[in-house]
PDB file of N, CA and C in Angstrom:
ATOM      1  N   MET A   1      97.116  95.784 106.513  1.00  0.00           N
ATOM      2  CA  MET A   1      96.880  94.787 105.697  1.00  0.00           C
ATOM      3  C   MET A   1      97.503  95.268 104.056  1.00  0.00           C
ATOM      4  N   ILE A   2      96.821  96.166 103.485  1.00  0.00           N
ATOM      5  CA  ILE A   2      96.937  97.104 102.602  1.00  0.00           C
ATOM      6  C   ILE A   2      97.762  98.082 102.397  1.00  0.00           C
ATOM      7  N   GLU A   3      98.740  98.042 101.887  1.00  0.00           N
ATOM      8  CA  GLU A   3      99.502  99.622 101.852  1.00  0.00           C
ATOM      9  C   GLU A   3      99.815 100.204 100.088  1.00  0.00           C
ATOM     10  N   LEU A   4      99.429 101.498 100.342  1.00  0.00           N
ATOM     11  CA  LEU A   4     100.021 102.305  98.743  1.00  0.00           C
ATOM     12  C   LEU A   4     101.158 102.489  98.932  1.00  0.00           C
ATOM     13  N   GLN A   5     102.085 101.688  97.786  1.00  0.00           N
ATOM     14  CA  GLN A   5     103.504 101.783  97.595  1.00  0.00           C
ATOM     15  C   GLN A   5     103.290 102.433  95.625  1.00  0.00           C
ATOM     16  N   THR A   6     104.034 103.265  95.659  1.00  0.00           N
ATOM     17  CA  THR A   6     104.099 103.663  94.536  1.00  0.00           C
ATOM     18  C   THR A   6     103.783 102.978  93.110  1.00  0.00           C
ATOM     19  N   GLY A   7     101.930 104.030  93.497  1.00  0.00           N
ATOM     20  CA  GLY A   7     101.051 103.186  92.850  1.00  0.00           C
ATOM     21  C   GLY A   7     100.800 101.819  92.761  1.00  0.00           C
ATOM     22  N   HIS A   8     101.231 101.214  93.583  1.00  0.00           N
ATOM     23  CA  HIS A   8     100.211  99.837  93.713  1.00  0.00           C
ATOM     24  C   HIS A   8     100.120  99.652  95.194  1.00  0.00           C
ATOM     25  N   LEU A   9      98.723  99.329  95.221  1.00  0.00           N
ATOM     26  CA  LEU A   9      98.321  98.253  96.551  1.00  0.00           C
ATOM     27  C   LEU A   9      98.679  97.057  97.182  1.00  0.00           C
ATOM     28  N   VAL A  10      99.964  97.155  97.704  1.00  0.00           N
ATOM     29  CA  VAL A  10     100.431  96.083  98.251  1.00  0.00           C
ATOM     30  C   VAL A  10     100.212  95.571  99.358  1.00  0.00           C
ATOM     31  N   VAL A  11      99.125  93.980  99.024  1.00  0.00           N
ATOM     32  CA  VAL A  11      98.983  93.229 100.217  1.00  0.00           C
ATOM     33  C   VAL A  11     100.114  93.009 101.404  1.00  0.00           C
ATOM     34  N   LYS A  12      99.762  92.887 102.573  1.00  0.00           N
ATOM     35  CA  LYS A  12     101.449  92.797 103.307  1.00  0.00           C
ATOM     36  C   LYS A  12     101.195  91.635 104.552  1.00  0.00           C
ATOM     37  N   VAL A  13      99.772  91.150 104.269  1.00  0.00           N
ATOM     38  CA  VAL A  13      99.291  90.110 105.067  1.00  0.00           C
ATOM     39  C   VAL A  13      98.817  88.709 104.745  1.00  0.00           C
ATOM     40  N   PRO A  14      99.037  87.505 104.617  1.00  0.00           N
ATOM     41  CA  PRO A  14      98.615  86.092 104.437  1.00  0.00           C
ATOM     42  C   PRO A  14      97.266  86.135 103.795  1.00  0.00           C
ATOM     43  N   MET A  15      97.300  85.658 102.582  1.00  0.00           N
ATOM     44  CA  MET A  15      95.458  85.923 101.981  1.00  0.00           C
ATOM     45  C   MET A  15      95.307  84.449 102.104  1.00  0.00           C
ATOM     46  N   VAL A  16      94.532  84.169 103.690  1.00  0.00           N
ATOM     47  CA  VAL A  16      94.268  83.057 103.934  1.00  0.00           C
ATOM     48  C   VAL A  16      92.566  83.595 104.768  1.00  0.00           C
ATOM     49  N   ILE A  17      91.559  82.258 105.104  1.00  0.00           N
ATOM     50  CA  ILE A  17      90.129  82.842 105.449  1.00  0.00           C
ATOM     51  C   ILE A  17      90.287  83.759 106.375  1.00  0.00           C
ATOM     52  N   ALA A  18      91.542  83.451 107.760  1.00  0.00           N
ATOM     53  CA  ALA A  18      91.461  84.402 108.699  1.00  0.00           C
ATOM     54  C   ALA A  18      91.531  86.099 108.439  1.00  0.00           C
ATOM     55  N   ASN A  19      92.163  86.296 106.829  1.00  0.00           N
ATOM     56  CA  ASN A  19      92.481  87.409 106.734  1.00  0.00           C
ATOM     57  C   ASN A  19      90.898  88.342 105.723  1.00  0.00           C
ATOM     58  N   ALA A  20      90.333  87.236 105.332  1.00  0.00           N
ATOM     59  CA  ALA A  20      89.752  87.353 104.048  1.00  0.00           C
ATOM     60  C   ALA A  20      88.391  88.396 103.838  1.00  0.00           C
ATOM     61  N   ARG A  21      88.067  88.729 104.970  1.00  0.00           N
ATOM     62  CA  ARG A  21      86.812  89.464 105.106  1.00  0.00           C
ATOM     63  C   ARG A  21      88.062  91.172 105.377  1.00  0.00           C
ATOM     64  N   GLY A  22      88.679  90.842 106.104  1.00  0.00           N
ATOM     65  CA  GLY A  22      89.602  92.127 106.569  1.00  0.00           C
ATOM     66  C   GLY A  22      90.148  92.818 104.962  1.00  0.00           C
ATOM     67  N   LEU A  23      90.527  91.898 104.770  1.00  0.00           N
ATOM     68  CA  LEU A  23      91.100  92.303 102.986  1.00  0.00           C
ATOM     69  C   LEU A  23      90.271  92.561 102.193  1.00  0.00           C
ATOM     70  N   LEU A  24      89.269  91.705 101.987  1.00  0.00           N
ATOM     71  CA  LEU A  24      88.091  92.556 100.887  1.00  0.00           C
ATOM     72  C   LEU A  24      87.589  93.735 101.365  1.00  0.00           C
ATOM     73  N   GLU A  25      87.372  94.443 102.724  1.00  0.00           N
ATOM     74  CA  GLU A  25      86.955  95.685 103.205  1.00  0.00           C
ATOM     75  C   GLU A  25      88.498  96.631 102.761  1.00  0.00           C
ATOM     76  N   ALA A  26      89.414  96.009 103.148  1.00  0.00           N
ATOM     77  CA  ALA A  26      90.356  97.172 102.952  1.00  0.00           C
ATOM     78  C   ALA A  26      91.124  97.621 101.400  1.00  0.00           C
ATOM     79  N   GLY A  27      90.721  96.160 100.738  1.00  0.00           N
ATOM     80  CA  GLY A  27      90.602  96.423  99.529  1.00  0.00           C
ATOM     81  C   GLY A  27      89.840  97.009  98.536  1.00  0.00           C
ATOM     82  N   ARG A  28      88.632  97.192  98.997  1.00  0.00           N
ATOM     83  CA  ARG A  28      87.443  98.001  98.936  1.00  0.00           C
ATOM     84  C   ARG A  28      87.424  99.402  98.870  1.00  0.00           C
ATOM     85  N   SER A  29      87.909  99.781 100.420  1.00  0.00           N
ATOM     86  CA  SER A  29      88.253 101.293 100.602  1.00  0.00           C
ATOM     87  C   SER A  29      88.995 101.600  99.919  1.00  0.00           C
ATOM     88  N   ALA A  30      90.167 101.155  99.290  1.00  0.00           N
ATOM     89  CA  ALA A  30      91.546 101.251  98.732  1.00  0.00           C
ATOM     90  C   ALA A  30      91.598 101.542  97.208  1.00  0.00           C
ATOM     91  N   LEU A  31      89.741 101.209  97.265  1.00  0.00           N
ATOM     92  CA  LEU A  31      89.580 101.332  95.239  1.00  0.00           C
ATOM     93  C   LEU A  31      89.842 102.709  94.637  1.00  0.00           C
ATOM     94  N   GLN A  32      90.228 103.838  94.006  1.00  0.00           N
ATOM     95  CA  GLN A  32      89.834 104.904  93.489  1.00  0.00           C
ATOM     96  C   GLN A  32      89.352 105.032  91.869  1.00  0.00           C
ATOM     97  N   ALA A  33      89.484 106.076  91.471  1.00  0.00           N
ATOM     98  CA  ALA A  33      89.144 106.077  89.833  1.00  0.00           C
ATOM     99  C   ALA A  33      90.386 105.728  89.450  1.00  0.00           C
ATOM    100  N   GLY A  34      90.239 105.116  88.143  1.00  0.00           N
ATOM    101  CA  GLY A  34      91.060 104.272  87.214  1.00  0.00           C
ATOM    102  C   GLY A  34      91.784 103.016  87.596  1.00  0.00           C
ATOM    103  N   GLU A  35      93.003 102.823  87.158  1.00  0.00           N
ATOM    104  CA  GLU A  35      93.279 101.230  87.190  1.00  0.00           C
ATOM    105  C   GLU A  35      94.197 101.536  88.562  1.00  0.00           C
ATOM    106  N   GLN A  36      93.933 100.405  89.228  1.00  0.00           N
ATOM    107  CA  GLN A  36      94.338  99.946  90.438  1.00  0.00           C
ATOM    108  C   GLN A  36      95.301  98.305  90.362  1.00  0.00           C
ATOM    109  N   ILE A  37      96.179  98.320  90.742  1.00  0.00           N
ATOM    110  CA  ILE A  37      97.367  97.454  90.637  1.00  0.00           C
ATOM    111  C   ILE A  37      97.214  97.167  92.212  1.00  0.00           C
ATOM    112  N   PHE A  38      97.114  96.016  92.597  1.00  0.00           N
ATOM    113  CA  PHE A  38      96.937  94.450  94.013  1.00  0.00           C
ATOM    114  C   PHE A  38      98.879  94.287  93.636  1.00  0.00           C
ATOM    115  N   ASP A  39      99.298  94.141  94.608  1.00  0.00           N
ATOM    116  CA  ASP A  39     100.448  93.320  94.186  1.00  0.00           C
ATOM    117  C   ASP A  39     100.874  92.978  95.795  1.00  0.00           C
ATOM    118  N   PHE A  40     100.653  91.386  94.829  1.00  0.00           N
ATOM    119  CA  PHE A  40     101.216  90.249  96.477  1.00  0.00           C
ATOM    120  C   PHE A  40     102.264  89.844  96.346  1.00  0.00           C
ATOM    121  N   SER A  41     103.212  90.161  96.201  1.00  0.00           N
ATOM    122  CA  SER A  41     105.047  90.314  96.247  1.00  0.00           C
ATOM    123  C   SER A  41     104.836  90.091  97.472  1.00  0.00           C
ATOM    124  N   GLN A  42     104.591  90.385  98.411  1.00  0.00           N
ATOM    125  CA  GLN A  42     104.989  90.522  99.968  1.00  0.00           C
ATOM    126  C   GLN A  42     103.873  89.614 100.701  1.00  0.00           C
ATOM    127  N   VAL A  43     103.065  88.354  99.987  1.00  0.00           N
ATOM    128  CA  VAL A  43     102.116  87.509 100.258  1.00  0.00           C
ATOM    129  C   VAL A  43     102.749  86.268 100.512  1.00  0.00           C
ATOM    130  N   SER A  44     102.877  86.376 101.946  1.00  0.00           N
ATOM    131  CA  SER A  44     103.847  85.013 102.267  1.00  0.00           C
ATOM    132  C   SER A  44     103.136  83.409 102.274  1.00  0.00           C
ATOM    133  N   GLU A  45     101.889  83.556 102.064  1.00  0.00           N
ATOM    134  CA  GLU A  45     100.562  82.084 102.081  1.00  0.00           C
ATOM    135  C   GLU A  45      99.707  82.856 101.669  1.00  0.00           C
ATOM    136  N   ALA A  46      98.640  81.581 100.612  1.00  0.00           N
ATOM    137  CA  ALA A  46      97.792  82.159 100.398  1.00  0.00           C
ATOM    138  C   ALA A  46      97.023  81.035 100.160  1.00  0.00           C
ATOM    139  N   ASP A  47      95.393  80.636 100.686  1.00  0.00           N
ATOM    140  CA  ASP A  47      94.840  79.754 100.142  1.00  0.00           C
ATOM    141  C   ASP A  47      93.509  80.059  99.062  1.00  0.00           C
ATOM    142  N   SER A  48      92.525  79.008  99.035  1.00  0.00           N
ATOM    143  CA  SER A  48      91.293  79.231  97.863  1.00  0.00           C
ATOM    144  C   SER A  48      90.551  80.841  98.396  1.00  0.00           C
ATOM    145  N   SER A  49      90.779  81.442  99.553  1.00  0.00           N
ATOM    146  CA  SER A  49      89.619  82.518  99.905  1.00  0.00           C
ATOM    147  C   SER A  49      90.681  83.633  99.177  1.00  0.00           C
ATOM    148  N   ALA A  50      91.783  83.614  98.939  1.00  0.00           N
ATOM    149  CA  ALA A  50      92.545  84.438  97.986  1.00  0.00           C
ATOM    150  C   ALA A  50      91.724  85.063  96.926  1.00  0.00           C
ATOM    151  N   LEU A  51      91.236  83.733  95.938  1.00  0.00           N
ATOM    152  CA  LEU A  51      90.251  83.962  94.803  1.00  0.00           C
ATOM    153  C   LEU A  51      89.027  84.865  95.242  1.00  0.00           C
ATOM    154  N   ALA A  52      88.477  84.199  96.022  1.00  0.00           N
ATOM    155  CA  ALA A  52      87.044  85.042  96.342  1.00  0.00           C
ATOM    156  C   ALA A  52      87.195  86.763  96.867  1.00  0.00           C
ATOM    157  N   VAL A  53      88.325  86.819  97.234  1.00  0.00           N
ATOM    158  CA  VAL A  53      88.676  88.044  97.858  1.00  0.00           C
ATOM    159  C   VAL A  53      89.387  89.112  96.528  1.00  0.00           C
ATOM    160  N   MET A  54      89.966  88.234  95.274  1.00  0.00           N
ATOM    161  CA  MET A  54      90.591  88.988  94.565  1.00  0.00           C
ATOM    162  C   MET A  54      89.268  88.883  93.291  1.00  0.00           C
ATOM    163  N   LEU A  55      87.916  88.262  93.270  1.00  0.00           N
ATOM    164  CA  LEU A  55      86.970  88.215  92.705  1.00  0.00           C
ATOM    165  C   LEU A  55      86.075  89.377  92.940  1.00  0.00           C
ATOM    166  N   GLY A  56      86.284  89.457  94.621  1.00  0.00           N
ATOM    167  CA  GLY A  56      85.248  90.437  95.103  1.00  0.00           C
ATOM    168  C   GLY A  56      85.674  91.661  94.962  1.00  0.00           C
ATOM    169  N   TRP A  57      86.891  92.158  94.672  1.00  0.00           N
ATOM    170  CA  TRP A  57      87.755  93.407  94.786  1.00  0.00           C
ATOM    171  C   TRP A  57      87.289  93.987  93.002  1.00  0.00           C
ATOM    172  N   LEU A  58      87.625  92.587  92.311  1.00  0.00           N
ATOM    173  CA  LEU A  58      86.903  92.808  90.871  1.00  0.00           C
ATOM    174  C   LEU A  58      85.654  93.546  90.827  1.00  0.00           C
ATOM    175  N   ARG A  59      84.786  93.330  91.660  1.00  0.00           N
ATOM    176  CA  ARG A  59      83.464  93.410  91.646  1.00  0.00           C
ATOM    177  C   ARG A  59      82.907  94.661  92.473  1.00  0.00           C
ATOM    178  N   ALA A  60      83.749  95.037  93.135  1.00  0.00           N
ATOM    179  CA  ALA A  60      83.759  96.549  93.843  1.00  0.00           C
ATOM    180  C   ALA A  60      84.533  97.559  92.499  1.00  0.00           C
ATOM    181  N   ALA A  61      85.379  96.852  91.907  1.00  0.00           N
ATOM    182  CA  ALA A  61      85.654  98.027  91.019  1.00  0.00           C
ATOM    183  C   ALA A  61      85.266  98.427  90.052  1.00  0.00           C
ATOM    184  N   GLY A  62      84.228  97.300  89.213  1.00  0.00           N
ATOM    185  CA  GLY A  62      83.159  97.591  88.801  1.00  0.00           C
ATOM    186  C   GLY A  62      82.214  98.576  88.992  1.00  0.00           C
ATOM    187  N   LEU A  63      81.783  98.094  90.378  1.00  0.00           N
ATOM    188  CA  LEU A  63      80.789  99.161  91.206  1.00  0.00           C
ATOM    189  C   LEU A  63      81.227 100.621  90.903  1.00  0.00           C
ATOM    190  N   ALA A  64      82.554 100.750  91.323  1.00  0.00           N
ATOM    191  CA  ALA A  64      83.329 102.148  91.583  1.00  0.00           C
ATOM    192  C   ALA A  64      83.858 102.847  89.967  1.00  0.00           C
ATOM    193  N   ARG A  65      83.541 102.454  89.434  1.00  0.00           N
ATOM    194  CA  ARG A  65      84.241 102.677  87.871  1.00  0.00           C
ATOM    195  C   ARG A  65      85.681 102.914  87.581  1.00  0.00           C
ATOM    196  N   SER A  66      86.227 101.403  88.192  1.00  0.00           N
ATOM    197  CA  SER A  66      87.714 101.548  88.233  1.00  0.00           C
ATOM    198  C   SER A  66      87.756  99.871  87.577  1.00  0.00           C
ATOM    199  N   THR A  67      89.404  99.913  87.252  1.00  0.00           N
ATOM    200  CA  THR A  67      89.800  98.852  86.942  1.00  0.00           C
ATOM    201  C   THR A  67      90.670  98.182  87.812  1.00  0.00           C
ATOM    202  N   VAL A  68      91.001  96.711  87.644  1.00  0.00           N
ATOM    203  CA  VAL A  68      91.537  96.202  88.890  1.00  0.00           C
ATOM    204  C   VAL A  68      92.547  95.143  88.151  1.00  0.00           C
ATOM    205  N   ARG A  69      93.350  95.403  88.406  1.00  0.00           N
ATOM    206  CA  ARG A  69      95.008  94.030  87.642  1.00  0.00           C
ATOM    207  C   ARG A  69      95.619  93.744  89.115  1.00  0.00           C
ATOM    208  N   PHE A  70      96.203  92.396  88.950  1.00  0.00           N
ATOM    209  CA  PHE A  70      97.181  91.606  89.817  1.00  0.00           C
ATOM    210  C   PHE A  70      98.160  91.373  89.474  1.00  0.00           C
ATOM    211  N   ALA A  71      99.319  91.661  90.583  1.00  0.00           N
ATOM    212  CA  ALA A  71     100.202  91.817  89.993  1.00  0.00           C
ATOM    213  C   ALA A  71     101.143  90.813  91.135  1.00  0.00           C
ATOM    214  N   HIS A  72     102.023  89.928  90.851  1.00  0.00           N
ATOM    215  CA  HIS A  72     102.740  89.007  91.433  1.00  0.00           C
ATOM    216  C   HIS A  72     101.857  88.053  92.143  1.00  0.00           C
ATOM    217  N   THR A  73     100.778  87.760  91.326  1.00  0.00           N
ATOM    218  CA  THR A  73      99.921  86.728  91.847  1.00  0.00           C
ATOM    219  C   THR A  73     100.618  85.250  92.609  1.00  0.00           C
ATOM    220  N   PRO A  74     100.557  84.882  93.571  1.00  0.00           N
ATOM    221  CA  PRO A  74     100.819  83.421  94.196  1.00  0.00           C
ATOM    222  C   PRO A  74     100.864  82.231  93.244  1.00  0.00           C
ATOM    223  N   ALA A  75     101.798  81.178  92.938  1.00  0.00           N
ATOM    224  CA  ALA A  75     101.677  80.373  91.635  1.00  0.00           C
ATOM    225  C   ALA A  75     100.641  79.674  92.155  1.00  0.00           C
ATOM    226  N   GLY A  76     100.411  79.667  93.353  1.00  0.00           N
ATOM    227  CA  GLY A  76      99.345  78.226  94.434  1.00  0.00           C
ATOM    228  C   GLY A  76      97.781  78.819  94.025  1.00  0.00           C
ATOM    229  N   VAL A  77      97.767  79.972  94.236  1.00  0.00           N
ATOM    230  CA  VAL A  77      96.305  81.295  93.989  1.00  0.00           C
ATOM    231  C   VAL A  77      96.629  80.607  92.441  1.00  0.00           C
ATOM    232  N   LEU A  78      97.358  80.948  91.360  1.00  0.00           N
ATOM    233  CA  LEU A  78      97.006  80.658  90.032  1.00  0.00           C
ATOM    234  C   LEU A  78      96.770  79.210  89.454  1.00  0.00           C
ATOM    235  N   ALA A  79      97.335  78.213  90.388  1.00  0.00           N
ATOM    236  CA  ALA A  79      97.196  76.675  89.802  1.00  0.00           C
ATOM    237  C   ALA A  79      95.214  76.479  90.361  1.00  0.00           C
ATOM    238  N   LEU A  80      95.150  77.172  91.338  1.00  0.00           N
ATOM    239  CA  LEU A  80      93.798  76.900  91.931  1.00  0.00           C
ATOM    240  C   LEU A  80      92.377  78.014  91.100  1.00  0.00           C
ATOM    241  N   ALA A  81      93.160  78.733  90.715  1.00  0.00           N
ATOM    242  CA  ALA A  81      92.388  79.347  89.342  1.00  0.00           C
ATOM    243  C   ALA A  81      92.119  78.647  88.142  1.00  0.00           C
ATOM    244  N   GLU A  82      93.265  77.986  87.880  1.00  0.00           N
ATOM    245  CA  GLU A  82      93.101  77.182  86.820  1.00  0.00           C
ATOM    246  C   GLU A  82      92.677  75.873  86.813  1.00  0.00           C
ATOM    247  N   LEU A  83      92.527  75.367  88.328  1.00  0.00           N
ATOM    248  CA  LEU A  83      91.465  74.838  88.469  1.00  0.00           C
ATOM    249  C   LEU A  83      89.844  74.614  88.331  1.00  0.00           C
ATOM    250  N   TYR A  84      89.974  75.937  89.160  1.00  0.00           N
ATOM    251  CA  TYR A  84      88.206  75.838  88.888  1.00  0.00           C
ATOM    252  C   TYR A  84      88.248  76.899  87.641  1.00  0.00           C
ATOM    253  N   GLY A  85      88.583  76.680  87.007  1.00  0.00           N
ATOM    254  CA  GLY A  85      88.640  77.507  85.272  1.00  0.00           C
ATOM    255  C   GLY A  85      88.433  78.780  85.343  1.00  0.00           C
ATOM    256  N   ILE A  86      88.761  80.051  86.263  1.00  0.00           N
ATOM    257  CA  ILE A  86      88.185  81.196  86.058  1.00  0.00           C
ATOM    258  C   ILE A  86      89.403  82.018  85.905  1.00  0.00           C
ATOM    259  N   THR A  87      91.143  81.482  85.712  1.00  0.00           N
ATOM    260  CA  THR A  87      92.006  82.528  85.065  1.00  0.00           C
ATOM    261  C   THR A  87      91.715  83.260  84.004  1.00  0.00           C
ATOM    262  N   ASP A  88      90.960  82.823  83.551  1.00  0.00           N
ATOM    263  CA  ASP A  88      90.843  84.307  82.266  1.00  0.00           C
ATOM    264  C   ASP A  88      90.015  85.629  82.756  1.00  0.00           C
ATOM    265  N   LEU A  89      88.937  84.988  84.213  1.00  0.00           N
ATOM    266  CA  LEU A  89      88.714  86.308  85.074  1.00  0.00           C
ATOM    267  C   LEU A  89      89.778  87.258  85.636  1.00  0.00           C
ATOM    268  N   LEU A  90      90.442  86.601  85.681  1.00  0.00           N
ATOM    269  CA  LEU A  90      91.576  87.729  86.528  1.00  0.00           C
ATOM    270  C   LEU A  90      92.414  88.380  85.932  1.00  0.00           C
ATOM    271  N   PRO A  91      92.368  89.855  85.673  1.00  0.00           N
ATOM    272  CA  PRO A  91      93.229  90.615  84.752  1.00  0.00           C
ATOM    273  C   PRO A  91      94.653  90.518  85.572  1.00  0.00           C
ATOM    274  N   LEU A  92      95.486  89.992  85.044  1.00  0.00           N
ATOM    275  CA  LEU A  92      96.840  89.839  85.642  1.00  0.00           C
ATOM    276  C   LEU A  92      97.939  90.718  84.983  1.00  0.00           C
ATOM    277  N   VAL A  93      99.104  91.335  85.648  1.00  0.00           N
ATOM    278  CA  VAL A  93      99.612  91.796  85.540  1.00  0.00           C
ATOM    279  C   VAL A  93     101.123  91.015  84.587  1.00  0.00           C
TER     280      VAL A  93
END
């Protein structure tokens, strides 16, 4: 689901409701001290559950004394974040 590549955690599956729980857990397991960059460049599909997963990773990072940033966030996810008024919560690269 998530693969470490050149210092980025690359999400390799669609960020849809069917994968949300697995992605949340995989991201939590991948967190280490320091900054983590989740890279969505290989995400082919995403729905509103992607935002829930991203917020869950942010919360887990705070508990793990890590920081998270998001790269190549799909345009549809960004549009939903804007619609929900949470864009400022997402640390984008």
